[in-house]
Amino acid sequence: MIIFMSNQLIQKTMLRFSDGITIDTQGELRILTLTDGPYVVGEGVLIPVNTKDEGLRIIRERKLKKLLHD
């Protein structure tokens, strides 16, 4: 969904699943735990992970890559 507000473009990234779950993938990377396991969510992505520790590792790696490319 794209929303125009006072000359600003705001893009909202929502994922909706058939089981009724809705996930907003905007914002900082973070761990989200659902009934089927943990996910890394944020910055427009939803990444399934096996453990919270794996998710934290992915977040650290993505933040490091972002710092190196800025």
N, C-alpha and C. Protein backbone atom coordinates (compact mmCIF):
# COMPACT_ATOMS: atom_id res chain seq x y z
N MET A 1 0.85 -1.16 0.00
CA MET A 1 0.00 0.00 0.00
C MET A 1 0.90 1.23 0.00
N ILE A 2 0.58 2.22 -0.81
CA ILE A 2 1.33 3.47 -0.84
C ILE A 2 0.37 4.59 -0.48
N ILE A 3 0.78 5.44 0.45
CA ILE A 3 -0.05 6.53 0.93
C ILE A 3 0.66 7.85 0.64
N PHE A 4 -0.07 8.81 0.07
CA PHE A 4 0.48 10.14 -0.15
C PHE A 4 -0.06 11.07 0.93
N MET A 5 0.84 11.73 1.65
CA MET A 5 0.43 12.67 2.69
C MET A 5 1.29 13.91 2.60
N SER A 6 0.67 15.04 2.43
CA SER A 6 1.33 16.34 2.38
C SER A 6 2.68 16.29 1.67
N ASN A 7 2.62 15.92 0.39
CA ASN A 7 3.79 15.88 -0.48
C ASN A 7 4.85 14.86 -0.05
N GLN A 8 4.49 13.91 0.81
CA GLN A 8 5.42 12.85 1.21
C GLN A 8 4.87 11.52 0.74
N LEU A 9 5.78 10.68 0.31
CA LEU A 9 5.41 9.33 -0.10
C LEU A 9 5.74 8.38 1.03
N ILE A 10 4.74 7.67 1.52
CA ILE A 10 4.93 6.72 2.61
C ILE A 10 4.53 5.35 2.09
N GLN A 11 5.47 4.41 2.12
CA GLN A 11 5.16 3.06 1.68
C GLN A 11 5.00 2.17 2.91
N LYS A 12 3.91 1.48 2.97
CA LYS A 12 3.63 0.59 4.10
C LYS A 12 3.64 -0.84 3.58
N THR A 13 4.48 -1.66 4.15
CA THR A 13 4.62 -3.03 3.69
C THR A 13 3.98 -3.95 4.71
N MET A 14 2.83 -4.49 4.35
CA MET A 14 2.09 -5.40 5.22
C MET A 14 2.00 -6.76 4.52
N LEU A 15 2.27 -7.80 5.27
CA LEU A 15 2.07 -9.15 4.76
C LEU A 15 0.85 -9.72 5.46
N ARG A 16 -0.08 -10.26 4.67
CA ARG A 16 -1.28 -10.87 5.23
C ARG A 16 -1.32 -12.34 4.83
N PHE A 17 -1.52 -13.20 5.80
CA PHE A 17 -1.54 -14.64 5.56
C PHE A 17 -2.95 -15.18 5.71
N SER A 18 -3.20 -16.33 5.11
CA SER A 18 -4.56 -16.91 5.10
C SER A 18 -5.03 -17.30 6.50
N ASP A 19 -4.11 -17.45 7.45
CA ASP A 19 -4.53 -17.81 8.81
C ASP A 19 -4.90 -16.58 9.65
N GLY A 20 -4.92 -15.41 9.01
CA GLY A 20 -5.33 -14.19 9.69
C GLY A 20 -4.19 -13.36 10.27
N ILE A 21 -2.97 -13.86 10.21
CA ILE A 21 -1.81 -13.12 10.71
C ILE A 21 -1.46 -12.00 9.74
N THR A 22 -1.24 -10.81 10.27
CA THR A 22 -0.77 -9.67 9.49
C THR A 22 0.52 -9.17 10.11
N ILE A 23 1.54 -8.98 9.28
CA ILE A 23 2.85 -8.55 9.77
C ILE A 23 3.27 -7.30 9.02
N ASP A 24 3.62 -6.27 9.77
CA ASP A 24 4.16 -5.04 9.21
C ASP A 24 5.67 -5.18 9.17
N THR A 25 6.26 -5.20 7.98
CA THR A 25 7.69 -5.42 7.84
C THR A 25 8.51 -4.13 7.85
N GLN A 26 7.87 -3.01 8.13
CA GLN A 26 8.61 -1.75 8.22
C GLN A 26 9.33 -1.66 9.56
N GLY A 27 10.26 -0.74 9.65
CA GLY A 27 10.93 -0.46 10.91
C GLY A 27 12.25 -1.20 11.04
N GLU A 28 12.82 -1.10 12.23
CA GLU A 28 14.09 -1.73 12.55
C GLU A 28 13.96 -3.25 12.49
N LEU A 29 15.08 -3.90 12.18
CA LEU A 29 15.10 -5.36 12.23
C LEU A 29 14.87 -5.81 13.67
N ARG A 30 14.08 -6.87 13.81
CA ARG A 30 13.73 -7.37 15.13
C ARG A 30 13.33 -8.83 15.02
N ILE A 31 13.24 -9.49 16.16
CA ILE A 31 12.80 -10.88 16.22
C ILE A 31 11.31 -10.91 16.52
N LEU A 32 10.58 -11.67 15.74
CA LEU A 32 9.15 -11.88 15.95
C LEU A 32 8.93 -13.37 16.11
N THR A 33 8.31 -13.77 17.20
CA THR A 33 8.04 -15.19 17.43
C THR A 33 6.56 -15.47 17.23
N LEU A 34 6.27 -16.34 16.28
CA LEU A 34 4.90 -16.77 15.99
C LEU A 34 4.77 -18.24 16.39
N THR A 35 3.58 -18.78 16.24
CA THR A 35 3.36 -20.16 16.65
C THR A 35 4.22 -21.16 15.88
N ASP A 36 4.59 -20.80 14.65
CA ASP A 36 5.41 -21.72 13.84
C ASP A 36 6.91 -21.42 13.95
N GLY A 37 7.30 -20.51 14.85
CA GLY A 37 8.72 -20.27 15.07
C GLY A 37 9.10 -18.80 14.99
N PRO A 38 10.40 -18.53 15.16
CA PRO A 38 10.88 -17.15 15.14
C PRO A 38 11.17 -16.66 13.72
N TYR A 39 11.09 -15.34 13.57
CA TYR A 39 11.36 -14.67 12.30
C TYR A 39 12.17 -13.41 12.57
N VAL A 40 12.99 -13.02 11.58
CA VAL A 40 13.58 -11.69 11.57
C VAL A 40 12.65 -10.85 10.70
N VAL A 41 12.20 -9.74 11.24
CA VAL A 41 11.27 -8.88 10.51
C VAL A 41 11.74 -7.44 10.62
N GLY A 42 11.52 -6.67 9.55
CA GLY A 42 11.88 -5.26 9.51
C GLY A 42 12.59 -4.93 8.22
N GLU A 43 12.70 -3.65 7.93
CA GLU A 43 13.35 -3.17 6.71
C GLU A 43 12.77 -3.84 5.46
N GLY A 44 11.47 -4.18 5.52
CA GLY A 44 10.79 -4.74 4.36
C GLY A 44 10.97 -6.23 4.16
N VAL A 45 11.56 -6.93 5.14
CA VAL A 45 11.78 -8.37 4.98
C VAL A 45 11.13 -9.17 6.10
N LEU A 46 10.86 -10.43 5.82
CA LEU A 46 10.41 -11.41 6.81
C LEU A 46 11.21 -12.68 6.53
N ILE A 47 12.11 -13.04 7.46
CA ILE A 47 13.03 -14.16 7.26
C ILE A 47 12.78 -15.20 8.35
N PRO A 48 12.36 -16.41 7.97
CA PRO A 48 12.20 -17.46 8.98
C PRO A 48 13.57 -17.92 9.46
N VAL A 49 13.70 -18.15 10.77
CA VAL A 49 14.95 -18.64 11.35
C VAL A 49 14.63 -19.82 12.26
N ASN A 50 15.64 -20.62 12.55
CA ASN A 50 15.44 -21.80 13.41
C ASN A 50 15.42 -21.44 14.88
N THR A 51 16.22 -20.44 15.27
CA THR A 51 16.30 -20.04 16.67
C THR A 51 16.40 -18.52 16.77
N LYS A 52 16.13 -18.00 17.96
CA LYS A 52 16.30 -16.56 18.18
C LYS A 52 17.75 -16.16 18.01
N ASP A 53 18.67 -17.02 18.45
CA ASP A 53 20.10 -16.72 18.29
C ASP A 53 20.48 -16.59 16.82
N GLU A 54 19.94 -17.46 15.97
CA GLU A 54 20.19 -17.35 14.54
C GLU A 54 19.64 -16.02 14.01
N GLY A 55 18.46 -15.64 14.49
CA GLY A 55 17.88 -14.37 14.08
C GLY A 55 18.74 -13.19 14.49
N LEU A 56 19.25 -13.23 15.71
CA LEU A 56 20.12 -12.15 16.18
C LEU A 56 21.40 -12.07 15.35
N ARG A 57 21.93 -13.23 14.95
CA ARG A 57 23.12 -13.25 14.10
C ARG A 57 22.83 -12.61 12.75
N ILE A 58 21.68 -12.93 12.17
CA ILE A 58 21.29 -12.35 10.88
C ILE A 58 21.15 -10.84 11.01
N ILE A 59 20.54 -10.38 12.09
CA ILE A 59 20.37 -8.94 12.31
C ILE A 59 21.74 -8.27 12.39
N ARG A 60 22.67 -8.85 13.17
CA ARG A 60 24.02 -8.28 13.29
C ARG A 60 24.71 -8.21 11.92
N GLU A 61 24.61 -9.29 11.15
CA GLU A 61 25.25 -9.33 9.82
C GLU A 61 24.67 -8.28 8.89
N ARG A 62 23.35 -8.13 8.89
CA ARG A 62 22.71 -7.15 7.99
C ARG A 62 23.07 -5.73 8.40
N LYS A 63 23.14 -5.48 9.72
CA LYS A 63 23.51 -4.14 10.18
C LYS A 63 24.96 -3.83 9.82
N LEU A 64 25.85 -4.82 9.94
CA LEU A 64 27.25 -4.63 9.58
C LEU A 64 27.39 -4.33 8.10
N LYS A 65 26.69 -5.10 7.25
CA LYS A 65 26.73 -4.85 5.81
C LYS A 65 26.24 -3.44 5.48
N LYS A 66 25.18 -3.02 6.16
CA LYS A 66 24.62 -1.69 5.92
C LYS A 66 25.64 -0.61 6.30
N LEU A 67 26.32 -0.79 7.44
CA LEU A 67 27.34 0.18 7.87
C LEU A 67 28.49 0.25 6.88
N LEU A 68 28.90 -0.89 6.34
CA LEU A 68 30.02 -0.92 5.41
C LEU A 68 29.68 -0.30 4.06
N HIS A 69 28.40 -0.31 3.69
CA HIS A 69 27.98 0.23 2.40
C HIS A 69 27.53 1.68 2.47
N ASP A 70 27.41 2.24 3.66
CA ASP A 70 26.99 3.65 3.80
C ASP A 70 28.18 4.57 3.82
